Protein backbone atom coordinates (compact mmCIF):
# COMPACT_ATOMS: atom_id res chain seq x y z
CA UNK A 1 -90.58 13.95 -75.19
CA UNK A 2 -91.91 16.49 -72.71
CA UNK A 3 -91.93 20.10 -73.83
CA UNK A 4 -90.20 22.73 -71.69
CA UNK A 5 -92.33 24.82 -69.40
CA UNK A 6 -93.25 28.34 -70.45
CA UNK A 7 -92.77 30.96 -67.74
CA UNK A 8 -94.78 34.15 -68.16
CA UNK A 9 -94.30 37.15 -65.87
CA UNK A 10 -96.12 40.46 -65.96
CA UNK A 11 -96.34 43.62 -63.87
CA UNK A 12 -99.25 45.92 -64.69
CA UNK A 13 -101.76 48.28 -63.08
CA UNK A 14 -104.18 46.35 -60.92
CA UNK A 15 -107.85 45.94 -61.83
CA UNK A 16 -110.44 43.15 -61.60
CA UNK A 17 -110.36 40.18 -63.96
CA UNK A 18 -106.62 40.02 -64.63
CA UNK A 19 -106.09 36.43 -63.50
CA UNK A 20 -109.05 35.26 -65.56
CA UNK A 21 -107.78 37.09 -68.63
CA UNK A 22 -104.32 35.53 -68.44
CA UNK A 23 -105.36 32.00 -67.53
CA UNK A 24 -108.19 31.93 -70.08
CA UNK A 25 -105.79 32.73 -72.90
CA UNK A 26 -103.47 29.92 -71.79
CA UNK A 27 -106.38 27.48 -71.59
CA UNK A 28 -107.69 28.49 -75.01
CA UNK A 29 -104.21 28.02 -76.45
CA UNK A 30 -104.14 24.44 -75.18
CA UNK A 31 -101.88 25.09 -72.24
CA UNK A 32 -101.82 23.33 -68.88
CA UNK A 33 -100.90 25.51 -65.88
CA UNK A 34 -98.29 24.03 -63.51
CA UNK A 35 -97.81 26.99 -61.16
CA UNK A 36 -99.75 30.22 -60.84
CA UNK A 37 -98.68 32.96 -58.42
CA UNK A 38 -100.12 36.46 -58.10
CA UNK A 39 -99.69 39.46 -55.86
CA UNK A 40 -101.28 42.88 -55.64
CA UNK A 41 -99.20 45.71 -54.22
CA UNK A 42 -101.99 47.93 -52.99
CA UNK A 43 -99.74 50.91 -52.20
CA UNK A 44 -98.30 50.91 -55.72
CA UNK A 45 -101.53 49.84 -57.38
CA UNK A 46 -99.69 47.08 -59.23
CA UNK A 47 -100.54 43.49 -60.08
CA UNK A 48 -97.72 40.95 -60.36
CA UNK A 49 -98.22 37.54 -61.90
CA UNK A 50 -96.02 34.53 -62.64
CA UNK A 51 -97.61 31.64 -64.52
CA UNK A 52 -95.66 28.52 -65.45
CA UNK A 53 -97.41 26.33 -67.99
CA UNK A 54 -96.79 23.84 -70.74
CA UNK A 55 -98.34 22.54 -73.93
CA UNK A 56 -99.13 18.84 -74.02
CA UNK A 57 -100.56 17.99 -77.42
CA UNK A 58 -98.80 20.33 -79.84
CA UNK A 59 -95.42 21.87 -80.55
CA UNK A 60 -94.34 25.16 -79.01
CA UNK A 61 -94.32 28.17 -81.32
CA UNK A 62 -92.18 30.58 -79.31
CA UNK A 63 -92.60 33.50 -81.67
CA UNK A 64 -96.38 33.16 -81.70
CA UNK A 65 -96.56 32.89 -77.91
CA UNK A 66 -94.38 35.98 -77.51
CA UNK A 67 -96.44 38.00 -79.99
CA UNK A 68 -99.74 37.04 -78.37
CA UNK A 69 -98.58 37.83 -74.84
CA UNK A 70 -97.15 41.11 -76.09
CA UNK A 71 -100.63 42.07 -77.28
CA UNK A 72 -102.04 41.21 -73.86
CA UNK A 73 -99.31 43.19 -72.08
CA UNK A 74 -99.93 46.24 -74.26
CA UNK A 75 -103.66 45.98 -73.56
CA UNK A 76 -102.94 45.81 -69.81
CA UNK A 77 -100.29 48.57 -69.94
CA UNK A 78 -97.84 46.12 -68.41
CA UNK A 79 -94.25 44.93 -68.68
CA UNK A 80 -93.72 41.24 -69.33
CA UNK A 81 -91.11 38.52 -69.80
CA UNK A 82 -91.34 35.06 -71.29
CA UNK A 83 -88.76 32.39 -70.51
CA UNK A 84 -88.51 28.64 -70.95
CA UNK A 85 -87.39 25.97 -68.51
CA UNK A 86 -84.83 24.60 -70.99
CA UNK A 87 -82.86 27.86 -71.09
CA UNK A 88 -79.38 27.46 -69.58
CA UNK A 89 -77.77 30.90 -69.14
CA UNK A 90 -74.05 31.64 -69.13
CA UNK A 91 -72.99 32.98 -65.75
CA UNK A 92 -69.69 34.62 -64.79
CA UNK A 93 -68.54 34.43 -61.18
CA UNK A 94 -66.38 37.22 -59.77
CA UNK A 95 -64.33 36.44 -56.67
CA UNK A 96 -61.46 37.85 -54.61
CA UNK A 97 -59.48 35.81 -52.07
CA UNK A 98 -62.28 34.08 -50.13
CA UNK A 99 -63.32 30.84 -51.79
CA UNK A 100 -66.33 29.54 -49.85
CA UNK A 101 -69.07 31.03 -52.05
CA UNK A 102 -67.23 30.18 -55.27
CA UNK A 103 -66.72 26.53 -54.32
CA UNK A 104 -70.33 26.21 -53.16
CA UNK A 105 -71.74 27.59 -56.42
CA UNK A 106 -69.50 25.41 -58.59
CA UNK A 107 -70.43 22.35 -56.53
CA UNK A 108 -74.14 23.08 -56.94
CA UNK A 109 -73.70 23.52 -60.71
CA UNK A 110 -71.83 20.22 -61.00
CA UNK A 111 -74.58 18.43 -59.06
CA UNK A 112 -77.34 19.89 -61.22
CA UNK A 113 -78.75 22.03 -58.44
CA UNK A 114 -78.19 25.29 -60.33
CA UNK A 115 -79.09 25.17 -64.01
CA UNK A 116 -76.42 27.42 -65.45
CA UNK A 117 -73.13 27.28 -67.31
CA UNK A 118 -70.08 28.91 -65.71
CA UNK A 119 -67.66 29.49 -68.59
CA UNK A 120 -65.87 32.40 -66.92
CA UNK A 121 -64.47 33.16 -63.47
CA UNK A 122 -62.78 36.51 -62.85
CA UNK A 123 -60.68 37.32 -59.80
CA UNK A 124 -58.46 40.13 -58.58
CA UNK A 125 -56.35 37.49 -56.79
CA UNK A 126 -54.49 34.64 -58.54
CA UNK A 127 -54.83 32.22 -55.61
CA UNK A 128 -58.06 30.46 -56.62
CA UNK A 129 -57.07 29.34 -60.11
CA UNK A 130 -56.24 25.81 -58.95
CA UNK A 131 -59.76 25.39 -57.55
CA UNK A 132 -61.35 26.26 -60.88
CA UNK A 133 -59.38 23.79 -63.01
CA UNK A 134 -61.68 20.87 -62.29
CA UNK A 135 -64.84 22.72 -63.31
CA UNK A 136 -64.20 23.52 -67.00
CA UNK A 137 -64.27 27.27 -66.38
CA UNK A 138 -61.86 29.83 -67.79
CA UNK A 139 -60.09 31.65 -64.94
CA UNK A 140 -58.93 35.21 -65.52
CA UNK A 141 -56.80 37.11 -63.03
CA UNK A 142 -57.01 40.90 -63.26
CA UNK A 143 -54.59 43.04 -61.29
CA UNK A 144 -56.72 45.73 -59.66
CA UNK A 145 -53.78 47.16 -57.69
CA UNK A 146 -51.44 48.11 -60.54
CA UNK A 147 -54.10 48.78 -63.18
CA UNK A 148 -56.63 51.58 -63.33
CA UNK A 149 -60.24 50.81 -62.50
CA UNK A 150 -61.40 51.84 -65.97
CA UNK A 151 -58.86 49.55 -67.67
CA UNK A 152 -59.89 46.60 -65.51
CA UNK A 153 -63.57 47.18 -66.14
CA UNK A 154 -62.98 47.52 -69.89
CA UNK A 155 -61.26 44.13 -69.83
CA UNK A 156 -64.16 42.65 -67.88
CA UNK A 157 -66.75 43.98 -70.32
CA UNK A 158 -64.84 42.47 -73.24
CA UNK A 159 -64.70 39.12 -71.47
CA UNK A 160 -68.44 39.22 -70.70
CA UNK A 161 -69.13 39.80 -74.38
CA UNK A 162 -66.62 37.15 -75.49
CA UNK A 163 -68.18 34.48 -73.27
CA UNK A 164 -71.77 35.61 -73.99
CA UNK A 165 -72.51 36.16 -70.29
CA UNK A 166 -76.12 36.63 -69.19
CA UNK A 167 -75.58 37.07 -65.44
CA UNK A 168 -72.71 38.00 -63.14
CA UNK A 169 -72.52 36.69 -59.57
CA UNK A 170 -70.24 38.53 -57.14
CA UNK A 171 -69.16 35.68 -54.86
CA UNK A 172 -67.26 37.80 -52.32
CA UNK A 173 -65.72 40.02 -55.00
CA UNK A 174 -64.36 42.83 -52.86
CA UNK A 175 -64.37 45.52 -55.53
CA UNK A 176 -66.98 48.20 -56.20
CA UNK A 177 -68.20 48.31 -59.79
CA UNK A 178 -68.47 51.80 -61.26
CA UNK A 179 -71.64 53.50 -62.44
CA UNK A 180 -70.23 53.42 -65.95
CA UNK A 181 -69.81 49.65 -65.80
CA UNK A 182 -73.33 49.12 -64.44
CA UNK A 183 -74.78 51.17 -67.27
CA UNK A 184 -73.24 48.71 -69.72
CA UNK A 185 -73.92 45.49 -67.79
CA UNK A 186 -76.44 45.47 -64.96
CA UNK A 187 -77.59 41.87 -64.45
CA UNK A 188 -75.52 41.27 -61.32
CA UNK A 189 -76.19 39.53 -57.98
CA UNK A 190 -74.02 40.26 -54.94
CA UNK A 191 -73.69 38.65 -51.54
CA UNK A 192 -73.18 41.04 -48.63
CA UNK A 193 -72.13 39.75 -45.24
CA UNK A 194 -74.76 41.47 -43.12
CA UNK A 195 -78.51 41.56 -42.68
CA UNK A 196 -79.12 44.65 -44.79
CA UNK A 197 -79.91 47.45 -44.30
CA UNK A 198 -77.85 46.99 -41.12
CA UNK A 199 -74.06 47.29 -41.30
CA UNK A 200 -73.60 48.35 -44.90
CA UNK A 201 -70.09 48.65 -46.30
CA UNK A 202 -66.85 47.13 -45.03
CA UNK A 203 -66.24 44.89 -41.99
CA UNK A 204 -69.87 44.37 -40.95
CA UNK A 205 -69.02 41.42 -38.68
CA UNK A 206 -66.53 43.53 -36.74
CA UNK A 207 -69.10 46.30 -36.31
CA UNK A 208 -71.82 43.80 -35.38
CA UNK A 209 -69.54 42.30 -32.71
CA UNK A 210 -68.83 45.73 -31.26
CA UNK A 211 -72.57 46.39 -31.00
CA UNK A 212 -73.13 43.07 -29.24
CA UNK A 213 -75.80 41.89 -31.67
CA UNK A 214 -77.51 38.55 -31.05
CA UNK A 215 -78.27 37.86 -34.70
CA UNK A 216 -76.16 38.24 -37.82
CA UNK A 217 -77.20 37.83 -41.42
CA UNK A 218 -76.23 37.64 -45.06
CA UNK A 219 -78.04 39.36 -47.90
CA UNK A 220 -78.09 38.51 -51.60
CA UNK A 221 -79.23 41.44 -53.71
CA UNK A 222 -79.09 42.90 -57.18
CA UNK A 223 -76.33 45.43 -57.70
CA UNK A 224 -77.12 49.09 -58.32
CA UNK A 225 -75.03 52.24 -58.35
CA UNK A 226 -75.83 52.78 -54.66
CA UNK A 227 -73.58 50.55 -52.54
CA UNK A 228 -75.48 47.72 -50.79
CA UNK A 229 -78.80 49.35 -51.69
CA UNK A 230 -79.94 47.07 -54.50
CA UNK A 231 -83.24 45.13 -54.44
CA UNK A 232 -82.99 42.26 -51.96
CA UNK A 233 -83.54 38.70 -53.23
CA UNK A 234 -82.71 36.51 -50.22
CA UNK A 235 -81.60 36.88 -46.61
CA UNK A 236 -80.43 34.33 -44.03
CA UNK A 237 -79.66 34.74 -40.35
CA UNK A 238 -77.91 32.86 -37.54
CA UNK A 239 -77.86 33.46 -33.79
CA UNK A 240 -74.71 34.65 -32.04
CA UNK A 241 -74.01 35.23 -28.36
CA UNK A 242 -71.77 37.17 -25.99
CA UNK A 243 -69.37 34.22 -26.06
CA UNK A 244 -68.69 34.66 -29.77
CA UNK A 245 -65.64 36.58 -30.92
CA UNK A 246 -65.26 38.27 -34.32
CA UNK A 247 -63.75 35.09 -35.78
CA UNK A 248 -66.82 33.15 -34.66
CA UNK A 249 -69.12 35.65 -36.38
CA UNK A 250 -67.07 35.36 -39.55
CA UNK A 251 -67.16 31.54 -39.40
CA UNK A 252 -70.92 31.44 -38.84
CA UNK A 253 -71.41 34.13 -41.44
CA UNK A 254 -69.67 32.10 -44.16
CA UNK A 255 -72.26 29.34 -43.78
CA UNK A 256 -75.22 31.65 -44.30
CA UNK A 257 -73.46 33.61 -47.06
CA UNK A 258 -73.24 30.41 -49.11
CA UNK A 259 -76.87 29.53 -48.53
CA UNK A 260 -78.26 33.02 -49.20
CA UNK A 261 -76.28 33.42 -52.41
CA UNK A 262 -77.18 29.97 -53.76
CA UNK A 263 -80.87 30.54 -53.01
CA UNK A 264 -80.82 33.95 -54.69
CA UNK A 265 -79.13 32.60 -57.81
CA UNK A 266 -81.61 29.73 -58.01
CA UNK A 267 -84.58 32.08 -57.65
CA UNK A 268 -83.17 34.28 -60.40
CA UNK A 269 -82.53 31.32 -62.72
CA UNK A 270 -86.08 30.07 -62.12
CA UNK A 271 -87.50 33.51 -62.96
CA UNK A 272 -89.18 33.78 -59.57
CA UNK A 273 -88.03 37.32 -58.78
CA UNK A 274 -89.89 40.51 -59.68
CA UNK A 275 -88.01 43.79 -59.42
CA UNK A 276 -90.11 46.93 -59.21
CA UNK A 277 -89.99 50.24 -57.37
CA UNK A 278 -86.47 49.45 -56.08
CA UNK A 279 -87.65 46.31 -54.27
CA UNK A 280 -88.53 42.73 -55.08
CA UNK A 281 -91.39 40.29 -54.87
CA UNK A 282 -90.16 36.70 -54.74
CA UNK A 283 -92.54 33.87 -55.66
CA UNK A 284 -90.83 30.94 -53.93
């Protein structure tokens, strides 16, 4: 039986010999490197590395591997993560009334394209419950009109704990999460229907149409307290013309929203995204 891959990521101050130091330890441990990606941010003076490797002839001692890489990270004054390819996180999807991103994500999970469990779907509209029934997910409707924001967010936090959620995906969830909520749960990916930083906020397609743009986009990003300002993971674009009306922009936009969000979630699940200095490096 093949062992799972070990995925090691580190961000540390840049200096010569870092790749050799990391890969030599893996080789000496009996590891075989499958993928090795590195980047130096010269302005920040930082070295970023993602190494995916496995062990062929012995069992994996996860505690020992963690402890040894921790020593290396301390020596390099770096921050590191270790993950394994057999980890299947629990993901909650938040959605409002639009269903295209939700259906696309659930379809990709069912077909094995996204390695995640979706035990929980939360919506501020009851309409989509029938869609969820065939996917073994628990659907929760929360009334954001007649309930206070703090009460709704308290309910959400309890549900995230109850279902042991590792990641939240906002699949066209048209509610702004409070700073208080983000301080308690911050691993969140959002899809915004514009090519950020252009047309932040509401109705970006309407504003893009008024400006007569020839290109529209969709942006998947991590959520921060600053609206539509989080580190960008993935962006997709599509051409539009003077013949297109607002409805045409919305229709074309839905296609790229699905693709951008699915790509971002996959990159996150595969531990290919580095977040640092309010931006990302994506090893795709």
